[in-house]
Amino acid sequence: MNDAMLKALTKARVWWLGDWATRRRGDRGQTAVEYLGIIVVVVAIVIAITGTDIGNSIKNAITQKIADLTGK
C-alpha cells in the first residue's frame, strides 16, 4: 500500500467516524414509545409461553437437566 492510498483511506475513515458521531448526537436515548414497545413484546412472549404446552415442555426439560446434574 502506498502513502497516497493510506492517506486517502485514513481521511475517509475519519470522515465516516465524524459523520457517525454527528448523527448519534441527535439521538439522546430511548423514548417512552420504544420502551412501551419492548414491554409489549416481552409480555406477548410470556403469555405465549405460559398459555401453551411450550411452557410446560421448557419447565420439564429444565427440571430434567437439573435432576441429571444433581443425580436426583
PDB file of N, CA and C in Angstrom:
ATOM      1  N   MET A   1       0.861  -1.164   0.000  1.00  0.00           N
ATOM      2  CA  MET A   1       0.000   0.000   0.000  1.00  0.00           C
ATOM      3  C   MET A   1       0.915   1.236   0.000  1.00  0.00           C
ATOM      4  N   ASN A   2       0.634   2.145  -0.864  1.00  0.00           N
ATOM      5  CA  ASN A   2       1.480   3.340  -0.920  1.00  0.00           C
ATOM      6  C   ASN A   2       0.935   4.430   0.002  1.00  0.00           C
ATOM      7  N   ASP A   3       1.740   5.481   0.180  1.00  0.00           N
ATOM      8  CA  ASP A   3       1.378   6.543   1.116  1.00  0.00           C
ATOM      9  C   ASP A   3       0.097   7.275   0.718  1.00  0.00           C
ATOM     10  N   ALA A   4      -0.080   7.488  -0.586  1.00  0.00           N
ATOM     11  CA  ALA A   4      -1.265   8.216  -1.037  1.00  0.00           C
ATOM     12  C   ALA A   4      -2.539   7.439  -0.718  1.00  0.00           C
ATOM     13  N   MET A   5      -2.489   6.119  -0.931  1.00  0.00           N
ATOM     14  CA  MET A   5      -3.668   5.293  -0.642  1.00  0.00           C
ATOM     15  C   MET A   5      -3.940   5.264   0.858  1.00  0.00           C
ATOM     16  N   LEU A   6      -2.882   5.139   1.654  1.00  0.00           N
ATOM     17  CA  LEU A   6      -3.045   5.118   3.106  1.00  0.00           C
ATOM     18  C   LEU A   6      -3.649   6.427   3.612  1.00  0.00           C
ATOM     19  N   LYS A   7      -3.167   7.554   3.085  1.00  0.00           N
ATOM     20  CA  LYS A   7      -3.720   8.851   3.472  1.00  0.00           C
ATOM     21  C   LYS A   7      -5.190   8.972   3.082  1.00  0.00           C
ATOM     22  N   ALA A   8      -5.542   8.485   1.876  1.00  0.00           N
ATOM     23  CA  ALA A   8      -6.934   8.554   1.426  1.00  0.00           C
ATOM     24  C   ALA A   8      -7.839   7.706   2.304  1.00  0.00           C
ATOM     25  N   LEU A   9      -7.384   6.503   2.641  1.00  0.00           N
ATOM     26  CA  LEU A   9      -8.193   5.629   3.497  1.00  0.00           C
ATOM     27  C   LEU A   9      -8.346   6.205   4.903  1.00  0.00           C
ATOM     28  N   THR A  10      -7.279   6.770   5.438  1.00  0.00           N
ATOM     29  CA  THR A  10      -7.347   7.373   6.763  1.00  0.00           C
ATOM     30  C   THR A  10      -8.309   8.550   6.772  1.00  0.00           C
ATOM     31  N   LYS A  11      -8.239   9.366   5.743  1.00  0.00           N
ATOM     32  CA  LYS A  11      -9.127  10.522   5.648  1.00  0.00           C
ATOM     33  C   LYS A  11     -10.586  10.066   5.529  1.00  0.00           C
ATOM     34  N   ALA A  12     -10.835   9.024   4.732  1.00  0.00           N
ATOM     35  CA  ALA A  12     -12.197   8.505   4.565  1.00  0.00           C
ATOM     36  C   ALA A  12     -12.722   7.957   5.886  1.00  0.00           C
ATOM     37  N   ARG A  13     -11.863   7.261   6.617  1.00  0.00           N
ATOM     38  CA  ARG A  13     -12.301   6.680   7.880  1.00  0.00           C
ATOM     39  C   ARG A  13     -12.603   7.776   8.897  1.00  0.00           C
ATOM     40  N   VAL A  14     -11.765   8.771   8.985  1.00  0.00           N
ATOM     41  CA  VAL A  14     -12.001   9.872   9.920  1.00  0.00           C
ATOM     42  C   VAL A  14     -13.289  10.600   9.557  1.00  0.00           C
ATOM     43  N   TRP A  15     -13.549  10.813   8.258  1.00  0.00           N
ATOM     44  CA  TRP A  15     -14.791  11.459   7.838  1.00  0.00           C
ATOM     45  C   TRP A  15     -15.985  10.616   8.251  1.00  0.00           C
ATOM     46  N   TRP A  16     -15.901   9.296   8.039  1.00  0.00           N
ATOM     47  CA  TRP A  16     -17.018   8.425   8.367  1.00  0.00           C
ATOM     48  C   TRP A  16     -17.284   8.445   9.865  1.00  0.00           C
ATOM     49  N   LEU A  17     -16.237   8.370  10.677  1.00  0.00           N
ATOM     50  CA  LEU A  17     -16.432   8.405  12.127  1.00  0.00           C
ATOM     51  C   LEU A  17     -17.016   9.735  12.573  1.00  0.00           C
ATOM     52  N   GLY A  18     -16.558  10.823  11.962  1.00  0.00           N
ATOM     53  CA  GLY A  18     -17.099  12.136  12.299  1.00  0.00           C
ATOM     54  C   GLY A  18     -18.567  12.238  11.931  1.00  0.00           C
ATOM     55  N   ASP A  19     -18.930  11.685  10.787  1.00  0.00           N
ATOM     56  CA  ASP A  19     -20.326  11.689  10.352  1.00  0.00           C
ATOM     57  C   ASP A  19     -21.177  10.869  11.305  1.00  0.00           C
ATOM     58  N   TRP A  20     -20.659   9.720  11.727  1.00  0.00           N
ATOM     59  CA  TRP A  20     -21.398   8.857  12.653  1.00  0.00           C
ATOM     60  C   TRP A  20     -21.624   9.581  13.983  1.00  0.00           C
ATOM     61  N   ALA A  21     -20.595  10.250  14.481  1.00  0.00           N
ATOM     62  CA  ALA A  21     -20.720  10.960  15.753  1.00  0.00           C
ATOM     63  C   ALA A  21     -21.752  12.074  15.656  1.00  0.00           C
ATOM     64  N   THR A  22     -21.814  12.750  14.520  1.00  0.00           N
ATOM     65  CA  THR A  22     -22.793  13.819  14.327  1.00  0.00           C
ATOM     66  C   THR A  22     -24.210  13.256  14.339  1.00  0.00           C
ATOM     67  N   ARG A  23     -24.396  12.136  13.672  1.00  0.00           N
ATOM     68  CA  ARG A  23     -25.738  11.531  13.639  1.00  0.00           C
ATOM     69  C   ARG A  23     -26.157  11.057  15.012  1.00  0.00           C
ATOM     70  N   ARG A  24     -25.247  10.517  15.793  1.00  0.00           N
ATOM     71  CA  ARG A  24     -25.585   9.972  17.106  1.00  0.00           C
ATOM     72  C   ARG A  24     -25.927  11.065  18.116  1.00  0.00           C
ATOM     73  N   ARG A  25     -25.406  12.253  17.964  1.00  0.00           N
ATOM     74  CA  ARG A  25     -25.686  13.324  18.921  1.00  0.00           C
ATOM     75  C   ARG A  25     -27.166  13.674  18.965  1.00  0.00           C
ATOM     76  N   GLY A  26     -27.866  13.527  17.858  1.00  0.00           N
ATOM     77  CA  GLY A  26     -29.279  13.867  17.823  1.00  0.00           C
ATOM     78  C   GLY A  26     -30.159  12.835  18.498  1.00  0.00           C
ATOM     79  N   ASP A  27     -29.630  11.641  18.747  1.00  0.00           N
ATOM     80  CA  ASP A  27     -30.397  10.564  19.355  1.00  0.00           C
ATOM     81  C   ASP A  27     -29.946  10.424  20.798  1.00  0.00           C
ATOM     82  N   ARG A  28     -30.725  10.967  21.717  1.00  0.00           N
ATOM     83  CA  ARG A  28     -30.304  11.041  23.108  1.00  0.00           C
ATOM     84  C   ARG A  28     -30.779   9.881  23.975  1.00  0.00           C
ATOM     85  N   GLY A  29     -31.423   8.873  23.438  1.00  0.00           N
ATOM     86  CA  GLY A  29     -31.855   7.757  24.256  1.00  0.00           C
ATOM     87  C   GLY A  29     -33.205   7.230  23.814  1.00  0.00           C
ATOM     88  N   GLN A  30     -33.686   6.307  24.590  1.00  0.00           N
ATOM     89  CA  GLN A  30     -34.945   5.663  24.269  1.00  0.00           C
ATOM     90  C   GLN A  30     -36.106   6.575  24.638  1.00  0.00           C
ATOM     91  N   THR A  31     -37.131   6.521  23.818  1.00  0.00           N
ATOM     92  CA  THR A  31     -38.347   7.262  24.139  1.00  0.00           C
ATOM     93  C   THR A  31     -39.314   6.344  24.852  1.00  0.00           C
ATOM     94  N   ALA A  32     -40.335   6.912  25.430  1.00  0.00           N
ATOM     95  CA  ALA A  32     -41.330   6.115  26.146  1.00  0.00           C
ATOM     96  C   ALA A  32     -42.026   5.142  25.208  1.00  0.00           C
ATOM     97  N   VAL A  33     -42.224   5.536  23.961  1.00  0.00           N
ATOM     98  CA  VAL A  33     -42.891   4.656  22.997  1.00  0.00           C
ATOM     99  C   VAL A  33     -42.025   3.424  22.718  1.00  0.00           C
ATOM    100  N   GLU A  34     -40.702   3.610  22.617  1.00  0.00           N
ATOM    101  CA  GLU A  34     -39.822   2.470  22.377  1.00  0.00           C
ATOM    102  C   GLU A  34     -39.833   1.516  23.564  1.00  0.00           C
ATOM    103  N   TYR A  35     -39.788   2.077  24.787  1.00  0.00           N
ATOM    104  CA  TYR A  35     -39.867   1.227  25.961  1.00  0.00           C
ATOM    105  C   TYR A  35     -41.194   0.483  26.025  1.00  0.00           C
ATOM    106  N   LEU A  36     -42.271   1.146  25.700  1.00  0.00           N
ATOM    107  CA  LEU A  36     -43.579   0.501  25.694  1.00  0.00           C
ATOM    108  C   LEU A  36     -43.612  -0.638  24.681  1.00  0.00           C
ATOM    109  N   GLY A  37     -43.014  -0.427  23.518  1.00  0.00           N
ATOM    110  CA  GLY A  37     -42.954  -1.478  22.501  1.00  0.00           C
ATOM    111  C   GLY A  37     -42.202  -2.699  22.991  1.00  0.00           C
ATOM    112  N   ILE A  38     -41.094  -2.485  23.687  1.00  0.00           N
ATOM    113  CA  ILE A  38     -40.326  -3.601  24.226  1.00  0.00           C
ATOM    114  C   ILE A  38     -41.141  -4.344  25.273  1.00  0.00           C
ATOM    115  N   ILE A  39     -41.822  -3.614  26.133  1.00  0.00           N
ATOM    116  CA  ILE A  39     -42.642  -4.242  27.171  1.00  0.00           C
ATOM    117  C   ILE A  39     -43.757  -5.068  26.542  1.00  0.00           C
ATOM    118  N   VAL A  40     -44.402  -4.553  25.511  1.00  0.00           N
ATOM    119  CA  VAL A  40     -45.478  -5.283  24.835  1.00  0.00           C
ATOM    120  C   VAL A  40     -44.950  -6.585  24.240  1.00  0.00           C
ATOM    121  N   VAL A  41     -43.785  -6.537  23.624  1.00  0.00           N
ATOM    122  CA  VAL A  41     -43.207  -7.752  23.037  1.00  0.00           C
ATOM    123  C   VAL A  41     -42.881  -8.777  24.116  1.00  0.00           C
ATOM    124  N   VAL A  42     -42.293  -8.335  25.225  1.00  0.00           N
ATOM    125  CA  VAL A  42     -41.954  -9.255  26.312  1.00  0.00           C
ATOM    126  C   VAL A  42     -43.218  -9.878  26.908  1.00  0.00           C
ATOM    127  N   VAL A  43     -44.238  -9.080  27.118  1.00  0.00           N
ATOM    128  CA  VAL A  43     -45.497  -9.606  27.664  1.00  0.00           C
ATOM    129  C   VAL A  43     -46.121 -10.613  26.701  1.00  0.00           C
ATOM    130  N   ALA A  44     -46.077 -10.326  25.399  1.00  0.00           N
ATOM    131  CA  ALA A  44     -46.628 -11.254  24.411  1.00  0.00           C
ATOM    132  C   ALA A  44     -45.879 -12.585  24.429  1.00  0.00           C
ATOM    133  N   ILE A  45     -44.562 -12.539  24.579  1.00  0.00           N
ATOM    134  CA  ILE A  45     -43.780 -13.778  24.641  1.00  0.00           C
ATOM    135  C   ILE A  45     -44.122 -14.565  25.898  1.00  0.00           C
ATOM    136  N   VAL A  46     -44.226 -13.880  27.024  1.00  0.00           N
ATOM    137  CA  VAL A  46     -44.556 -14.562  28.280  1.00  0.00           C
ATOM    138  C   VAL A  46     -45.940 -15.189  28.201  1.00  0.00           C
ATOM    139  N   ILE A  47     -46.908 -14.480  27.645  1.00  0.00           N
ATOM    140  CA  ILE A  47     -48.263 -15.027  27.502  1.00  0.00           C
ATOM    141  C   ILE A  47     -48.256 -16.230  26.567  1.00  0.00           C
ATOM    142  N   ALA A  48     -47.502 -16.144  25.481  1.00  0.00           N
ATOM    143  CA  ALA A  48     -47.441 -17.267  24.544  1.00  0.00           C
ATOM    144  C   ALA A  48     -46.821 -18.498  25.186  1.00  0.00           C
ATOM    145  N   ILE A  49     -45.808 -18.295  26.010  1.00  0.00           N
ATOM    146  CA  ILE A  49     -45.152 -19.437  26.656  1.00  0.00           C
ATOM    147  C   ILE A  49     -46.041 -20.037  27.734  1.00  0.00           C
ATOM    148  N   THR A  50     -46.680 -19.206  28.553  1.00  0.00           N
ATOM    149  CA  THR A  50     -47.492 -19.730  29.648  1.00  0.00           C
ATOM    150  C   THR A  50     -48.833 -20.272  29.169  1.00  0.00           C
ATOM    151  N   GLY A  51     -49.312 -19.800  28.039  1.00  0.00           N
ATOM    152  CA  GLY A  51     -50.621 -20.232  27.562  1.00  0.00           C
ATOM    153  C   GLY A  51     -50.608 -21.477  26.691  1.00  0.00           C
ATOM    154  N   THR A  52     -49.446 -22.030  26.442  1.00  0.00           N
ATOM    155  CA  THR A  52     -49.358 -23.220  25.591  1.00  0.00           C
ATOM    156  C   THR A  52     -48.575 -24.308  26.304  1.00  0.00           C
ATOM    157  N   ASP A  53     -48.443 -25.449  25.647  1.00  0.00           N
ATOM    158  CA  ASP A  53     -47.667 -26.552  26.210  1.00  0.00           C
ATOM    159  C   ASP A  53     -46.165 -26.304  26.113  1.00  0.00           C
ATOM    160  N   ILE A  54     -45.787 -25.282  25.394  1.00  0.00           N
ATOM    161  CA  ILE A  54     -44.362 -24.977  25.274  1.00  0.00           C
ATOM    162  C   ILE A  54     -43.787 -24.633  26.642  1.00  0.00           C
ATOM    163  N   GLY A  55     -44.547 -23.895  27.441  1.00  0.00           N
ATOM    164  CA  GLY A  55     -44.097 -23.538  28.790  1.00  0.00           C
ATOM    165  C   GLY A  55     -43.848 -24.764  29.641  1.00  0.00           C
ATOM    166  N   ASN A  56     -44.769 -25.732  29.592  1.00  0.00           N
ATOM    167  CA  ASN A  56     -44.597 -26.967  30.354  1.00  0.00           C
ATOM    168  C   ASN A  56     -43.431 -27.783  29.824  1.00  0.00           C
ATOM    169  N   SER A  57     -43.248 -27.787  28.515  1.00  0.00           N
ATOM    170  CA  SER A  57     -42.123 -28.518  27.927  1.00  0.00           C
ATOM    171  C   SER A  57     -40.799 -27.932  28.377  1.00  0.00           C
ATOM    172  N   ILE A  58     -40.711 -26.621  28.386  1.00  0.00           N
ATOM    173  CA  ILE A  58     -39.478 -25.958  28.833  1.00  0.00           C
ATOM    174  C   ILE A  58     -39.232 -26.255  30.309  1.00  0.00           C
ATOM    175  N   LYS A  59     -40.278 -26.157  31.119  1.00  0.00           N
ATOM    176  CA  LYS A  59     -40.144 -26.424  32.552  1.00  0.00           C
ATOM    177  C   LYS A  59     -39.694 -27.855  32.799  1.00  0.00           C
ATOM    178  N   ASN A  60     -40.300 -28.802  32.090  1.00  0.00           N
ATOM    179  CA  ASN A  60     -39.932 -30.206  32.268  1.00  0.00           C
ATOM    180  C   ASN A  60     -38.494 -30.471  31.820  1.00  0.00           C
ATOM    181  N   ALA A  61     -38.085 -29.852  30.733  1.00  0.00           N
ATOM    182  CA  ALA A  61     -36.718 -30.057  30.244  1.00  0.00           C
ATOM    183  C   ALA A  61     -35.704 -29.484  31.236  1.00  0.00           C
ATOM    184  N   ILE A  62     -35.979 -28.311  31.781  1.00  0.00           N
ATOM    185  CA  ILE A  62     -35.070 -27.715  32.762  1.00  0.00           C
ATOM    186  C   ILE A  62     -35.018 -28.562  34.027  1.00  0.00           C
ATOM    187  N   THR A  63     -36.178 -29.001  34.490  1.00  0.00           N
ATOM    188  CA  THR A  63     -36.237 -29.845  35.686  1.00  0.00           C
ATOM    189  C   THR A  63     -35.459 -31.139  35.472  1.00  0.00           C
ATOM    190  N   GLN A  64     -35.589 -31.744  34.301  1.00  0.00           N
ATOM    191  CA  GLN A  64     -34.882 -32.989  33.990  1.00  0.00           C
ATOM    192  C   GLN A  64     -33.375 -32.764  33.970  1.00  0.00           C
ATOM    193  N   LYS A  65     -32.914 -31.672  33.356  1.00  0.00           N
ATOM    194  CA  LYS A  65     -31.480 -31.388  33.297  1.00  0.00           C
ATOM    195  C   LYS A  65     -30.907 -31.128  34.692  1.00  0.00           C
ATOM    196  N   ILE A  66     -31.677 -30.436  35.543  1.00  0.00           N
ATOM    197  CA  ILE A  66     -31.230 -30.204  36.917  1.00  0.00           C
ATOM    198  C   ILE A  66     -31.129 -31.529  37.669  1.00  0.00           C
ATOM    199  N   ALA A  67     -32.125 -32.391  37.470  1.00  0.00           N
ATOM    200  CA  ALA A  67     -32.093 -33.704  38.101  1.00  0.00           C
ATOM    201  C   ALA A  67     -30.909 -34.527  37.596  1.00  0.00           C
ATOM    202  N   ASP A  68     -30.589 -34.438  36.307  1.00  0.00           N
ATOM    203  CA  ASP A  68     -29.445 -35.158  35.763  1.00  0.00           C
ATOM    204  C   ASP A  68     -28.137 -34.661  36.385  1.00  0.00           C
ATOM    205  N   LEU A  69     -28.026 -33.370  36.586  1.00  0.00           N
ATOM    206  CA  LEU A  69     -26.799 -32.795  37.141  1.00  0.00           C
ATOM    207  C   LEU A  69     -26.637 -33.118  38.626  1.00  0.00           C
ATOM    208  N   THR A  70     -27.745 -33.091  39.360  1.00  0.00           N
ATOM    209  CA  THR A  70     -27.662 -33.322  40.795  1.00  0.00           C
ATOM    210  C   THR A  70     -27.758 -34.802  41.168  1.00  0.00           C
ATOM    211  N   GLY A  71     -28.172 -35.633  40.232  1.00  0.00           N
ATOM    212  CA  GLY A  71     -28.257 -37.067  40.496  1.00  0.00           C
ATOM    213  C   GLY A  71     -29.504 -37.478  41.253  1.00  0.00           C
ATOM    214  N   LYS A  72     -30.497 -36.649  41.272  1.00  0.00           N
ATOM    215  CA  LYS A  72     -31.740 -36.970  41.991  1.00  0.00           C
ATOM    216  C   LYS A  72     -32.798 -37.470  41.050  1.00  0.00           C
TER     217      LYS A  72
END
